[in-house]
C-alpha cells in the first residue's frame, strides 16, 4: 500500500513493468534512470529494449541496476537497422508483469508518472499521454546538471502547459472508443494480455514511426 499526497491509498493488485526503448544515447538513458529513481512508486520490473546499442549502453544499465531495488532486464538485439517493433515484442515476451508502461529513450519522467498510470488503469483500456519538448540548445545543460525536475516555468522547454500536473482536472477525461491521432508511444500503458492477444507490435514496421499508432488501432 502506498500513501499518496492527498492521504488516500492505492493498493497495487497487479505487477507493473516499465519498458524503455534505447539506441546508443547513454546521456539520455542516464537521465531517464535518475528520473525513475525519483518516482513516487517504483515499477516491479524495468526492461531496457535495446535495438543494438554498443557496450557503453550496457555499462549504464549495469550501473543503474546496482541502484534500483527491483528487477532490471537488458533486452538486446543485433543492430540491423531501426527495428523498434521487434525489440518491443522481445521485451513483452521477457516480462510476466500484468501491466506495461512504455516510454521512449529520450523521455524524462515526472515524479508521479508511474503512479498516475497505475491510478488510471482500467480493464480493456490503454492509456496515453503527451510530453513536453525540450529545446535542443538546452540538452547540454540538462546532461551536465542531471536535471530531472521540470515545471511550466523551466528554462528551455516548449509546450509549457503540458508541464502542469493538476490531478483534479483528470475527471474531465473519460475512456473513448475512438482512435486518437494524438497517441504517442512515449507515454503509453496497456495490459500485457491485451498486447499478447493482438500478437504485439507488427514487425513489418521498420524505420521511424507509426508502430505505436498501428498497435493502438
N, C-alpha and C. Protein backbone atom coordinates (compact mmCIF):
# COMPACT_ATOMS: atom_id res chain seq x y z
N UNK A 1 0.86 -1.19 0.00
CA UNK A 1 0.00 0.00 0.00
C UNK A 1 0.89 1.24 0.00
N UNK A 2 0.62 2.17 -0.88
CA UNK A 2 1.40 3.39 -0.97
C UNK A 2 0.51 4.58 -0.63
N UNK A 3 0.95 5.42 0.29
CA UNK A 3 0.16 6.59 0.67
C UNK A 3 0.45 7.73 -0.29
N UNK A 4 -0.62 8.36 -0.79
CA UNK A 4 -0.48 9.47 -1.71
C UNK A 4 -0.53 10.79 -0.95
N UNK A 5 -0.25 11.88 -1.66
CA UNK A 5 -0.19 13.19 -1.02
C UNK A 5 -1.54 13.60 -0.45
N UNK A 6 -2.63 13.14 -1.05
CA UNK A 6 -3.95 13.52 -0.57
C UNK A 6 -4.46 12.59 0.54
N UNK A 7 -3.57 11.74 1.04
CA UNK A 7 -3.85 10.83 2.15
C UNK A 7 -4.78 9.67 1.78
N UNK A 8 -5.11 9.57 0.51
CA UNK A 8 -5.82 8.38 0.06
C UNK A 8 -4.79 7.29 -0.23
N UNK A 9 -5.24 6.07 -0.44
CA UNK A 9 -4.28 5.00 -0.68
C UNK A 9 -4.55 4.31 -1.99
N UNK A 10 -3.53 3.74 -2.53
CA UNK A 10 -3.63 2.97 -3.76
C UNK A 10 -3.10 1.58 -3.44
N UNK A 11 -3.84 0.57 -3.74
CA UNK A 11 -3.44 -0.80 -3.46
C UNK A 11 -3.04 -1.45 -4.77
N UNK A 12 -1.81 -1.88 -4.84
CA UNK A 12 -1.32 -2.49 -6.06
C UNK A 12 -1.81 -3.94 -6.14
N UNK A 13 -2.73 -4.18 -7.05
CA UNK A 13 -3.26 -5.54 -7.21
C UNK A 13 -2.72 -6.17 -8.49
N UNK A 14 -1.72 -5.52 -9.05
CA UNK A 14 -1.13 -6.01 -10.29
C UNK A 14 0.36 -5.72 -10.25
N UNK A 15 1.10 -6.44 -11.07
CA UNK A 15 2.52 -6.16 -11.21
C UNK A 15 2.71 -5.27 -12.43
N UNK A 16 3.71 -4.39 -12.36
CA UNK A 16 3.88 -3.36 -13.37
C UNK A 16 5.31 -3.37 -13.90
N UNK A 17 5.44 -3.30 -15.21
CA UNK A 17 6.75 -3.23 -15.86
C UNK A 17 6.86 -1.92 -16.64
N UNK A 18 8.02 -1.32 -16.59
CA UNK A 18 8.32 -0.14 -17.39
C UNK A 18 9.27 -0.56 -18.51
N UNK A 19 8.85 -0.32 -19.76
CA UNK A 19 9.70 -0.62 -20.92
C UNK A 19 10.31 0.67 -21.45
N UNK A 20 11.65 0.66 -21.60
CA UNK A 20 12.37 1.83 -22.10
C UNK A 20 13.16 1.43 -23.35
N UNK A 21 12.71 1.79 -24.54
CA UNK A 21 13.49 1.51 -25.75
C UNK A 21 14.71 2.43 -25.77
N UNK A 22 15.81 1.95 -26.32
CA UNK A 22 17.01 2.79 -26.39
C UNK A 22 17.88 2.36 -27.56
N UNK A 23 18.73 3.32 -27.99
CA UNK A 23 19.73 3.00 -29.01
C UNK A 23 20.85 4.04 -28.94
N UNK A 24 21.97 3.65 -28.37
CA UNK A 24 23.21 4.44 -28.39
C UNK A 24 23.05 5.91 -28.00
N UNK A 25 22.32 6.17 -26.92
CA UNK A 25 22.27 7.53 -26.37
C UNK A 25 22.37 7.43 -24.86
N UNK A 26 23.58 7.18 -24.39
CA UNK A 26 23.81 6.93 -22.96
C UNK A 26 23.49 8.13 -22.09
N UNK A 27 23.76 9.34 -22.59
CA UNK A 27 23.48 10.53 -21.79
C UNK A 27 21.99 10.64 -21.46
N UNK A 28 21.16 10.39 -22.46
CA UNK A 28 19.71 10.46 -22.24
C UNK A 28 19.26 9.33 -21.32
N UNK A 29 19.78 8.14 -21.54
CA UNK A 29 19.38 6.99 -20.74
C UNK A 29 19.75 7.20 -19.27
N UNK A 30 20.90 7.79 -19.02
CA UNK A 30 21.32 8.04 -17.64
C UNK A 30 20.35 8.99 -16.93
N UNK A 31 19.92 10.05 -17.61
CA UNK A 31 18.97 10.99 -17.01
C UNK A 31 17.60 10.33 -16.81
N UNK A 32 17.20 9.51 -17.76
CA UNK A 32 15.95 8.77 -17.59
C UNK A 32 16.01 7.91 -16.33
N UNK A 33 17.11 7.20 -16.14
CA UNK A 33 17.26 6.35 -14.96
C UNK A 33 17.17 7.17 -13.67
N UNK A 34 17.76 8.35 -13.67
CA UNK A 34 17.66 9.21 -12.49
C UNK A 34 16.22 9.61 -12.22
N UNK A 35 15.44 9.84 -13.28
CA UNK A 35 14.03 10.19 -13.09
C UNK A 35 13.23 8.99 -12.61
N UNK A 36 13.64 7.78 -12.96
CA UNK A 36 12.99 6.58 -12.44
C UNK A 36 13.25 6.46 -10.95
N UNK A 37 14.48 6.72 -10.53
CA UNK A 37 14.81 6.66 -9.10
C UNK A 37 14.08 7.72 -8.29
N UNK A 38 13.55 8.73 -8.98
CA UNK A 38 12.82 9.81 -8.32
C UNK A 38 11.31 9.59 -8.31
N UNK A 39 10.85 8.39 -8.72
CA UNK A 39 9.42 8.12 -8.79
C UNK A 39 8.79 7.92 -7.41
N UNK A 40 7.54 8.33 -7.28
CA UNK A 40 6.80 8.14 -6.03
C UNK A 40 6.44 6.67 -5.83
N UNK A 41 6.28 5.93 -6.95
CA UNK A 41 6.04 4.49 -6.91
C UNK A 41 6.94 3.85 -7.95
N UNK A 42 7.63 2.81 -7.57
CA UNK A 42 8.53 2.13 -8.50
C UNK A 42 7.79 1.00 -9.24
N UNK A 43 8.13 0.78 -10.51
CA UNK A 43 7.62 -0.42 -11.20
C UNK A 43 8.27 -1.66 -10.63
N UNK A 44 7.62 -2.81 -10.80
CA UNK A 44 8.19 -4.07 -10.32
C UNK A 44 9.38 -4.50 -11.16
N UNK A 45 9.33 -4.16 -12.44
CA UNK A 45 10.41 -4.51 -13.36
C UNK A 45 10.67 -3.35 -14.31
N UNK A 46 11.91 -3.24 -14.75
CA UNK A 46 12.26 -2.33 -15.84
C UNK A 46 12.94 -3.15 -16.93
N UNK A 47 12.48 -2.97 -18.16
CA UNK A 47 13.07 -3.68 -19.29
C UNK A 47 13.63 -2.66 -20.26
N UNK A 48 14.95 -2.71 -20.46
CA UNK A 48 15.60 -1.85 -21.43
C UNK A 48 15.56 -2.56 -22.77
N UNK A 49 14.75 -2.05 -23.69
CA UNK A 49 14.58 -2.66 -25.01
C UNK A 49 15.60 -2.03 -25.95
N UNK A 50 16.74 -2.69 -26.09
CA UNK A 50 17.91 -2.13 -26.75
C UNK A 50 18.03 -2.63 -28.19
N UNK A 51 17.88 -1.70 -29.14
CA UNK A 51 17.87 -2.04 -30.56
C UNK A 51 19.28 -2.05 -31.16
N UNK A 52 20.24 -2.65 -30.42
CA UNK A 52 21.56 -2.84 -30.99
C UNK A 52 22.63 -1.87 -30.54
N UNK A 53 22.49 -1.28 -29.34
CA UNK A 53 23.50 -0.33 -28.84
C UNK A 53 24.83 -1.02 -28.58
N UNK A 54 25.89 -0.22 -28.48
CA UNK A 54 27.22 -0.75 -28.17
C UNK A 54 27.37 -0.98 -26.66
N UNK A 55 28.57 -1.39 -26.25
CA UNK A 55 28.81 -1.79 -24.86
C UNK A 55 28.67 -0.64 -23.86
N UNK A 56 28.72 0.60 -24.33
CA UNK A 56 28.57 1.74 -23.42
C UNK A 56 27.19 1.78 -22.78
N UNK A 57 26.17 1.41 -23.55
CA UNK A 57 24.81 1.35 -23.01
C UNK A 57 24.72 0.27 -21.94
N UNK A 58 25.33 -0.86 -22.20
CA UNK A 58 25.33 -1.95 -21.22
C UNK A 58 25.92 -1.49 -19.90
N UNK A 59 26.98 -0.71 -19.95
CA UNK A 59 27.63 -0.20 -18.75
C UNK A 59 26.68 0.69 -17.95
N UNK A 60 25.95 1.58 -18.63
CA UNK A 60 24.99 2.46 -17.96
C UNK A 60 23.88 1.65 -17.30
N UNK A 61 23.40 0.63 -17.99
CA UNK A 61 22.35 -0.23 -17.44
C UNK A 61 22.86 -0.95 -16.19
N UNK A 62 24.07 -1.45 -16.22
CA UNK A 62 24.63 -2.16 -15.07
C UNK A 62 24.77 -1.23 -13.87
N UNK A 63 25.17 -0.01 -14.10
CA UNK A 63 25.29 0.96 -13.01
C UNK A 63 23.93 1.27 -12.39
N UNK A 64 22.92 1.39 -13.23
CA UNK A 64 21.57 1.64 -12.72
C UNK A 64 21.04 0.44 -11.95
N UNK A 65 21.33 -0.75 -12.45
CA UNK A 65 20.84 -1.98 -11.81
C UNK A 65 21.32 -2.06 -10.35
N UNK A 66 22.48 -1.56 -10.09
CA UNK A 66 23.02 -1.58 -8.73
C UNK A 66 22.26 -0.64 -7.79
N UNK A 67 21.63 0.38 -8.35
CA UNK A 67 20.93 1.38 -7.54
C UNK A 67 19.44 1.08 -7.38
N UNK A 68 18.85 0.39 -8.35
CA UNK A 68 17.41 0.17 -8.36
C UNK A 68 17.09 -1.13 -7.63
N UNK A 69 16.17 -1.06 -6.69
CA UNK A 69 15.92 -2.21 -5.82
C UNK A 69 15.10 -3.32 -6.48
N UNK A 70 14.38 -3.00 -7.55
CA UNK A 70 13.58 -4.02 -8.24
C UNK A 70 14.34 -4.57 -9.45
N UNK A 71 13.69 -5.42 -10.21
CA UNK A 71 14.36 -6.13 -11.30
C UNK A 71 14.60 -5.22 -12.51
N UNK A 72 15.79 -5.37 -13.10
CA UNK A 72 16.14 -4.64 -14.31
C UNK A 72 16.67 -5.64 -15.34
N UNK A 73 16.06 -5.65 -16.53
CA UNK A 73 16.48 -6.56 -17.58
C UNK A 73 16.95 -5.76 -18.80
N UNK A 74 18.07 -6.18 -19.36
CA UNK A 74 18.60 -5.54 -20.56
C UNK A 74 18.34 -6.48 -21.73
N UNK A 75 17.33 -6.16 -22.52
CA UNK A 75 16.95 -6.98 -23.68
C UNK A 75 17.60 -6.36 -24.91
N UNK A 76 18.53 -7.10 -25.52
CA UNK A 76 19.35 -6.56 -26.60
C UNK A 76 19.16 -7.37 -27.87
N UNK A 77 19.22 -6.70 -29.01
CA UNK A 77 19.25 -7.41 -30.29
C UNK A 77 20.31 -6.77 -31.18
N UNK A 78 20.79 -7.53 -32.13
CA UNK A 78 21.83 -7.05 -33.03
C UNK A 78 21.35 -5.86 -33.84
N UNK A 79 22.25 -4.94 -34.09
CA UNK A 79 21.93 -3.73 -34.85
C UNK A 79 21.82 -4.08 -36.34
N UNK A 80 20.58 -4.16 -36.81
CA UNK A 80 20.31 -4.39 -38.23
C UNK A 80 19.35 -3.32 -38.75
N UNK A 81 19.58 -2.09 -38.30
CA UNK A 81 18.68 -1.01 -38.68
C UNK A 81 17.63 -0.79 -37.60
N UNK A 82 16.75 0.16 -37.86
CA UNK A 82 15.71 0.55 -36.90
C UNK A 82 14.65 -0.54 -36.82
N UNK A 83 14.68 -1.33 -35.73
CA UNK A 83 13.73 -2.42 -35.56
C UNK A 83 13.08 -2.33 -34.18
N UNK A 84 12.48 -1.19 -33.93
CA UNK A 84 11.87 -0.93 -32.62
C UNK A 84 10.73 -1.90 -32.33
N UNK A 85 9.90 -2.18 -33.31
CA UNK A 85 8.77 -3.10 -33.09
C UNK A 85 9.25 -4.46 -32.60
N UNK A 86 10.32 -4.95 -33.19
CA UNK A 86 10.83 -6.27 -32.83
C UNK A 86 11.38 -6.29 -31.41
N UNK A 87 12.15 -5.27 -31.03
CA UNK A 87 12.72 -5.27 -29.68
C UNK A 87 11.64 -5.03 -28.62
N UNK A 88 10.60 -4.28 -28.95
CA UNK A 88 9.48 -4.12 -28.01
C UNK A 88 8.78 -5.45 -27.79
N UNK A 89 8.60 -6.22 -28.85
CA UNK A 89 7.99 -7.54 -28.71
C UNK A 89 8.84 -8.46 -27.85
N UNK A 90 10.15 -8.38 -28.00
CA UNK A 90 11.03 -9.20 -27.17
C UNK A 90 10.89 -8.82 -25.70
N UNK A 91 10.72 -7.54 -25.43
CA UNK A 91 10.53 -7.09 -24.05
C UNK A 91 9.19 -7.57 -23.50
N UNK A 92 8.16 -7.54 -24.32
CA UNK A 92 6.84 -8.02 -23.90
C UNK A 92 6.87 -9.50 -23.53
N UNK A 93 7.62 -10.27 -24.29
CA UNK A 93 7.74 -11.70 -24.01
C UNK A 93 8.58 -11.94 -22.75
N UNK A 94 9.57 -11.08 -22.52
CA UNK A 94 10.51 -11.28 -21.41
C UNK A 94 9.90 -11.00 -20.05
N UNK A 95 8.86 -10.16 -20.00
CA UNK A 95 8.26 -9.84 -18.71
C UNK A 95 7.02 -10.70 -18.46
N UNK A 96 6.72 -10.91 -17.19
CA UNK A 96 5.49 -11.60 -16.82
C UNK A 96 4.56 -10.65 -16.07
N UNK A 97 4.89 -9.36 -16.04
CA UNK A 97 4.07 -8.39 -15.32
C UNK A 97 2.71 -8.20 -16.00
N UNK A 98 1.73 -7.85 -15.20
CA UNK A 98 0.37 -7.70 -15.70
C UNK A 98 0.19 -6.45 -16.55
N UNK A 99 0.85 -5.38 -16.16
CA UNK A 99 0.60 -4.08 -16.78
C UNK A 99 1.91 -3.50 -17.28
N UNK A 100 1.86 -2.93 -18.49
CA UNK A 100 3.05 -2.39 -19.14
C UNK A 100 2.93 -0.87 -19.26
N UNK A 101 3.95 -0.17 -18.79
CA UNK A 101 4.06 1.27 -19.02
C UNK A 101 5.26 1.48 -19.93
N UNK A 102 5.06 2.27 -20.96
CA UNK A 102 6.08 2.38 -22.02
C UNK A 102 6.43 3.84 -22.29
N UNK A 103 7.72 4.11 -22.43
CA UNK A 103 8.17 5.45 -22.79
C UNK A 103 9.11 5.33 -23.98
N UNK A 104 9.77 6.43 -24.34
CA UNK A 104 10.82 6.41 -25.34
C UNK A 104 12.15 6.67 -24.67
N UNK A 105 13.22 6.46 -25.41
CA UNK A 105 14.56 6.59 -24.85
C UNK A 105 15.05 8.01 -24.70
N UNK A 106 14.15 8.98 -24.82
CA UNK A 106 14.52 10.38 -24.61
C UNK A 106 13.49 11.10 -23.74
N UNK A 107 12.81 10.35 -22.86
CA UNK A 107 11.74 10.91 -22.05
C UNK A 107 12.08 10.88 -20.57
N UNK A 108 12.17 12.05 -19.97
CA UNK A 108 12.41 12.18 -18.53
C UNK A 108 11.05 12.15 -17.84
N UNK A 109 10.93 11.32 -16.81
CA UNK A 109 9.63 11.07 -16.19
C UNK A 109 9.30 12.06 -15.09
N UNK A 110 8.06 12.54 -15.09
CA UNK A 110 7.54 13.30 -13.96
C UNK A 110 7.56 12.40 -12.73
N UNK A 111 7.80 12.92 -11.53
CA UNK A 111 7.88 12.07 -10.32
C UNK A 111 6.67 11.17 -10.09
N UNK A 112 5.50 11.57 -10.59
CA UNK A 112 4.28 10.77 -10.40
C UNK A 112 3.88 9.99 -11.66
N UNK A 113 4.81 9.86 -12.59
CA UNK A 113 4.48 9.22 -13.87
C UNK A 113 3.96 7.79 -13.68
N UNK A 114 4.70 6.97 -12.98
CA UNK A 114 4.29 5.58 -12.77
C UNK A 114 3.00 5.54 -11.94
N UNK A 115 2.96 6.33 -10.91
CA UNK A 115 1.78 6.37 -10.04
C UNK A 115 0.51 6.72 -10.80
N UNK A 116 0.62 7.72 -11.69
CA UNK A 116 -0.56 8.15 -12.44
C UNK A 116 -1.05 7.08 -13.40
N UNK A 117 -0.14 6.40 -14.07
CA UNK A 117 -0.56 5.33 -14.99
C UNK A 117 -1.25 4.20 -14.23
N UNK A 118 -0.72 3.87 -13.07
CA UNK A 118 -1.36 2.82 -12.26
C UNK A 118 -2.74 3.28 -11.79
N UNK A 119 -2.81 4.50 -11.34
CA UNK A 119 -4.06 5.03 -10.77
C UNK A 119 -5.21 5.00 -11.77
N UNK A 120 -4.90 5.29 -13.02
CA UNK A 120 -5.97 5.41 -14.02
C UNK A 120 -6.12 4.17 -14.91
N UNK A 121 -5.42 3.11 -14.59
CA UNK A 121 -5.55 1.88 -15.38
C UNK A 121 -6.93 1.27 -15.18
N UNK A 122 -7.49 0.74 -16.25
CA UNK A 122 -8.80 0.08 -16.22
C UNK A 122 -8.74 -1.14 -17.13
N UNK A 123 -9.57 -2.15 -16.85
CA UNK A 123 -9.61 -3.33 -17.73
C UNK A 123 -9.99 -2.94 -19.16
N UNK A 124 -9.42 -3.64 -20.13
CA UNK A 124 -9.74 -3.44 -21.55
C UNK A 124 -9.53 -2.01 -22.02
N UNK A 125 -8.58 -1.33 -21.41
CA UNK A 125 -8.34 0.08 -21.72
C UNK A 125 -6.84 0.33 -21.76
N UNK A 126 -6.38 1.11 -22.74
CA UNK A 126 -5.00 1.57 -22.69
C UNK A 126 -4.99 3.07 -22.44
N UNK A 127 -3.90 3.56 -21.90
CA UNK A 127 -3.76 4.98 -21.59
C UNK A 127 -2.66 5.60 -22.45
N UNK A 128 -2.84 6.84 -22.81
CA UNK A 128 -1.77 7.55 -23.49
C UNK A 128 -1.76 8.99 -23.02
N UNK A 129 -0.58 9.58 -23.04
CA UNK A 129 -0.45 10.98 -22.66
C UNK A 129 0.49 11.69 -23.61
N UNK A 130 0.80 12.92 -23.30
CA UNK A 130 1.65 13.71 -24.16
C UNK A 130 3.03 13.86 -23.53
N UNK A 131 3.80 14.85 -24.01
CA UNK A 131 5.11 15.12 -23.45
C UNK A 131 5.46 16.57 -23.68
N UNK A 132 6.39 17.05 -22.87
CA UNK A 132 6.90 18.41 -23.00
C UNK A 132 8.19 18.34 -23.81
N UNK A 133 8.32 19.18 -24.80
CA UNK A 133 9.51 19.16 -25.65
C UNK A 133 10.61 20.04 -25.06
N UNK A 134 11.84 19.53 -25.07
CA UNK A 134 13.00 20.28 -24.60
C UNK A 134 13.73 20.83 -25.82
N UNK A 135 14.09 22.09 -25.78
CA UNK A 135 14.83 22.69 -26.87
C UNK A 135 16.23 22.09 -26.96
N UNK A 136 16.69 21.86 -28.17
CA UNK A 136 17.99 21.22 -28.37
C UNK A 136 19.12 21.99 -27.69
N UNK A 137 19.01 23.30 -27.66
CA UNK A 137 20.05 24.14 -27.07
C UNK A 137 20.20 23.92 -25.56
N UNK A 138 19.20 23.31 -24.95
CA UNK A 138 19.21 23.11 -23.50
C UNK A 138 19.76 21.74 -23.10
N UNK A 139 19.96 20.86 -24.06
CA UNK A 139 20.34 19.48 -23.73
C UNK A 139 21.67 19.39 -22.99
N UNK A 140 22.67 20.14 -23.43
CA UNK A 140 23.98 20.08 -22.78
C UNK A 140 23.88 20.41 -21.31
N UNK A 141 23.13 21.45 -20.99
CA UNK A 141 22.95 21.86 -19.59
C UNK A 141 22.24 20.78 -18.78
N UNK A 142 21.22 20.16 -19.37
CA UNK A 142 20.47 19.11 -18.68
C UNK A 142 21.34 17.90 -18.41
N UNK A 143 22.13 17.50 -19.41
CA UNK A 143 23.00 16.34 -19.24
C UNK A 143 24.09 16.61 -18.19
N UNK A 144 24.62 17.82 -18.17
CA UNK A 144 25.68 18.15 -17.22
C UNK A 144 25.14 18.25 -15.79
N UNK A 145 23.96 18.82 -15.63
CA UNK A 145 23.38 19.01 -14.29
C UNK A 145 22.56 17.81 -13.82
N UNK A 146 22.29 16.87 -14.74
CA UNK A 146 21.45 15.70 -14.44
C UNK A 146 20.05 16.15 -13.99
N UNK A 147 19.51 17.13 -14.67
CA UNK A 147 18.20 17.68 -14.29
C UNK A 147 17.08 16.70 -14.60
N UNK A 148 16.22 16.42 -13.60
CA UNK A 148 15.09 15.52 -13.82
C UNK A 148 13.76 16.16 -13.40
N UNK A 149 13.81 17.36 -12.85
CA UNK A 149 12.59 18.03 -12.42
C UNK A 149 12.36 19.27 -13.28
N UNK A 150 11.12 19.39 -13.78
CA UNK A 150 10.76 20.50 -14.64
C UNK A 150 9.39 21.03 -14.21
N UNK A 151 9.17 22.29 -14.48
CA UNK A 151 7.87 22.91 -14.25
C UNK A 151 7.48 23.67 -15.51
N UNK A 152 6.31 24.26 -15.48
CA UNK A 152 5.86 25.05 -16.63
C UNK A 152 6.75 26.27 -16.84
N UNK A 153 7.56 26.61 -15.85
CA UNK A 153 8.41 27.79 -15.94
C UNK A 153 9.89 27.44 -16.16
N UNK A 154 10.17 26.16 -16.37
CA UNK A 154 11.55 25.74 -16.56
C UNK A 154 12.13 26.32 -17.85
N UNK A 155 13.42 26.58 -17.83
CA UNK A 155 14.11 27.14 -18.99
C UNK A 155 14.26 26.07 -20.08
N UNK A 156 14.06 26.49 -21.32
CA UNK A 156 14.39 25.63 -22.44
C UNK A 156 13.36 24.59 -22.81
N UNK A 157 12.10 24.77 -22.42
CA UNK A 157 11.08 23.82 -22.81
C UNK A 157 10.01 24.48 -23.67
N UNK A 158 9.33 23.66 -24.46
CA UNK A 158 8.22 24.12 -25.28
C UNK A 158 6.94 23.40 -24.83
N UNK A 159 5.78 23.87 -25.28
CA UNK A 159 4.50 23.29 -24.88
C UNK A 159 4.39 23.31 -23.35
N UNK A 160 4.57 24.47 -22.75
CA UNK A 160 4.71 24.61 -21.31
C UNK A 160 3.49 24.14 -20.52
N UNK A 161 2.31 24.31 -21.08
CA UNK A 161 1.11 23.90 -20.33
C UNK A 161 1.08 22.40 -20.06
N UNK A 162 1.79 21.63 -20.89
CA UNK A 162 1.84 20.18 -20.68
C UNK A 162 2.65 19.81 -19.44
N UNK A 163 3.42 20.76 -18.92
CA UNK A 163 4.22 20.50 -17.72
C UNK A 163 3.40 20.66 -16.44
N UNK A 164 2.17 21.09 -16.57
CA UNK A 164 1.31 21.24 -15.39
C UNK A 164 0.78 19.88 -14.94
N UNK A 165 0.84 19.63 -13.65
CA UNK A 165 0.31 18.38 -13.08
C UNK A 165 -0.81 18.76 -12.13
N UNK A 166 -2.07 18.64 -12.62
CA UNK A 166 -3.24 19.07 -11.85
C UNK A 166 -4.21 17.90 -11.77
N UNK A 167 -4.05 17.03 -10.78
CA UNK A 167 -4.84 15.78 -10.72
C UNK A 167 -6.36 15.97 -10.76
N UNK A 168 -6.89 17.03 -10.12
CA UNK A 168 -8.35 17.14 -10.05
C UNK A 168 -8.99 17.39 -11.41
N UNK A 169 -8.21 17.85 -12.38
CA UNK A 169 -8.75 18.07 -13.73
C UNK A 169 -8.90 16.75 -14.49
N UNK A 170 -8.34 15.68 -13.96
CA UNK A 170 -8.40 14.39 -14.67
C UNK A 170 -9.84 13.88 -14.80
N UNK A 171 -10.73 14.37 -13.94
CA UNK A 171 -12.13 13.92 -14.01
C UNK A 171 -12.79 14.33 -15.32
N UNK A 172 -12.18 15.25 -16.06
CA UNK A 172 -12.73 15.68 -17.36
C UNK A 172 -12.56 14.61 -18.42
N UNK A 173 -11.64 13.68 -18.20
CA UNK A 173 -11.30 12.70 -19.23
C UNK A 173 -11.97 11.36 -18.95
N UNK A 174 -12.59 10.80 -19.96
CA UNK A 174 -13.27 9.52 -19.85
C UNK A 174 -12.78 8.60 -20.97
N UNK A 175 -12.85 7.29 -20.76
CA UNK A 175 -12.43 6.36 -21.83
C UNK A 175 -13.25 6.58 -23.09
N UNK A 176 -12.58 6.55 -24.24
CA UNK A 176 -13.24 6.75 -25.53
C UNK A 176 -12.99 5.54 -26.43
N UNK A 177 -13.97 5.20 -27.26
CA UNK A 177 -13.81 4.04 -28.15
C UNK A 177 -13.07 4.38 -29.44
N UNK A 178 -12.88 5.66 -29.72
CA UNK A 178 -12.28 6.08 -30.98
C UNK A 178 -10.76 6.13 -30.90
N UNK A 179 -10.11 5.97 -32.04
CA UNK A 179 -8.66 6.03 -32.12
C UNK A 179 -8.23 7.48 -32.28
N UNK A 180 -7.39 7.97 -31.37
CA UNK A 180 -6.95 9.35 -31.41
C UNK A 180 -5.68 9.50 -32.24
N UNK A 181 -5.56 10.61 -32.93
CA UNK A 181 -4.35 10.91 -33.68
C UNK A 181 -3.23 11.41 -32.77
N UNK A 182 -3.56 11.59 -31.49
CA UNK A 182 -2.58 12.13 -30.53
C UNK A 182 -1.84 11.02 -29.77
N UNK A 183 -2.09 9.77 -30.10
CA UNK A 183 -1.42 8.67 -29.41
C UNK A 183 0.08 8.74 -29.64
N UNK A 184 0.83 8.61 -28.55
CA UNK A 184 2.28 8.62 -28.61
C UNK A 184 2.82 7.46 -27.78
N UNK A 185 3.69 6.65 -28.38
CA UNK A 185 4.27 5.53 -27.66
C UNK A 185 5.23 5.95 -26.57
N UNK A 186 5.54 7.25 -26.51
CA UNK A 186 6.46 7.76 -25.48
C UNK A 186 5.77 7.93 -24.13
N UNK A 187 4.47 7.81 -24.09
CA UNK A 187 3.70 7.96 -22.84
C UNK A 187 2.46 7.09 -22.99
N UNK A 188 2.61 5.82 -22.66
CA UNK A 188 1.66 4.82 -23.12
C UNK A 188 1.61 3.69 -22.09
N UNK A 189 0.44 3.15 -21.82
CA UNK A 189 0.38 1.97 -20.94
C UNK A 189 -0.80 1.08 -21.34
N UNK A 190 -0.67 -0.22 -21.05
CA UNK A 190 -1.65 -1.19 -21.50
C UNK A 190 -1.44 -2.50 -20.74
N UNK A 191 -2.42 -3.39 -20.86
CA UNK A 191 -2.34 -4.70 -20.21
C UNK A 191 -1.56 -5.65 -21.10
N UNK A 192 -0.66 -6.39 -20.49
CA UNK A 192 0.18 -7.30 -21.26
C UNK A 192 -0.68 -8.35 -22.00
N UNK A 193 -1.73 -8.84 -21.35
CA UNK A 193 -2.55 -9.86 -22.00
C UNK A 193 -3.25 -9.30 -23.24
N UNK A 194 -3.58 -8.02 -23.22
CA UNK A 194 -4.18 -7.39 -24.40
C UNK A 194 -3.16 -7.29 -25.53
N UNK A 195 -1.91 -6.95 -25.16
CA UNK A 195 -0.86 -6.86 -26.17
C UNK A 195 -0.57 -8.22 -26.80
N UNK A 196 -0.55 -9.26 -25.97
CA UNK A 196 -0.29 -10.60 -26.49
C UNK A 196 -1.46 -11.10 -27.34
N UNK A 197 -2.67 -10.65 -27.01
CA UNK A 197 -3.85 -11.08 -27.77
C UNK A 197 -3.81 -10.59 -29.22
N UNK A 198 -3.15 -9.46 -29.46
CA UNK A 198 -3.00 -8.97 -30.83
C UNK A 198 -1.61 -9.29 -31.38
N UNK A 199 -0.90 -10.18 -30.67
CA UNK A 199 0.44 -10.64 -31.08
C UNK A 199 1.46 -9.50 -31.11
N UNK A 200 1.28 -8.54 -30.20
CA UNK A 200 2.27 -7.49 -30.03
C UNK A 200 2.34 -6.52 -31.19
N UNK A 201 3.50 -5.91 -31.33
CA UNK A 201 3.72 -4.94 -32.41
C UNK A 201 3.92 -5.64 -33.75
N UNK A 202 3.47 -5.00 -34.81
CA UNK A 202 3.65 -5.53 -36.16
C UNK A 202 5.09 -5.26 -36.59
N UNK A 203 5.87 -6.31 -36.73
CA UNK A 203 7.28 -6.15 -37.04
C UNK A 203 7.53 -5.77 -38.50
N UNK A 204 6.45 -5.66 -39.26
CA UNK A 204 6.57 -5.13 -40.62
C UNK A 204 7.05 -3.68 -40.58
N UNK A 205 6.72 -2.98 -39.46
CA UNK A 205 7.12 -1.58 -39.32
C UNK A 205 8.60 -1.51 -38.97
N UNK A 206 9.41 -1.07 -39.91
CA UNK A 206 10.83 -0.80 -39.66
C UNK A 206 11.08 0.65 -40.05
N UNK A 207 12.12 1.23 -39.50
CA UNK A 207 12.31 2.65 -39.69
C UNK A 207 11.46 3.41 -38.68
N UNK A 208 11.61 4.71 -38.65
CA UNK A 208 10.97 5.51 -37.61
C UNK A 208 9.47 5.68 -37.86
N UNK A 209 8.67 5.50 -36.78
CA UNK A 209 7.30 5.98 -36.76
C UNK A 209 6.20 4.99 -37.08
N UNK A 210 5.04 5.27 -36.46
CA UNK A 210 3.73 4.67 -36.74
C UNK A 210 3.52 3.26 -36.18
N UNK A 211 4.54 2.65 -35.61
CA UNK A 211 4.30 1.35 -34.99
C UNK A 211 3.39 1.48 -33.77
N UNK A 212 3.44 2.63 -33.08
CA UNK A 212 2.60 2.83 -31.90
C UNK A 212 1.14 3.06 -32.30
N UNK A 213 0.90 3.83 -33.38
CA UNK A 213 -0.46 4.05 -33.85
C UNK A 213 -1.10 2.75 -34.34
N UNK A 214 -0.31 1.94 -35.04
CA UNK A 214 -0.81 0.65 -35.51
C UNK A 214 -1.14 -0.26 -34.34
N UNK A 215 -0.30 -0.28 -33.34
CA UNK A 215 -0.50 -1.09 -32.15
C UNK A 215 -1.81 -0.69 -31.43
N UNK A 216 -2.02 0.61 -31.30
CA UNK A 216 -3.23 1.10 -30.64
C UNK A 216 -4.48 0.75 -31.45
N UNK A 217 -4.37 0.84 -32.77
CA UNK A 217 -5.51 0.51 -33.62
C UNK A 217 -5.88 -0.97 -33.49
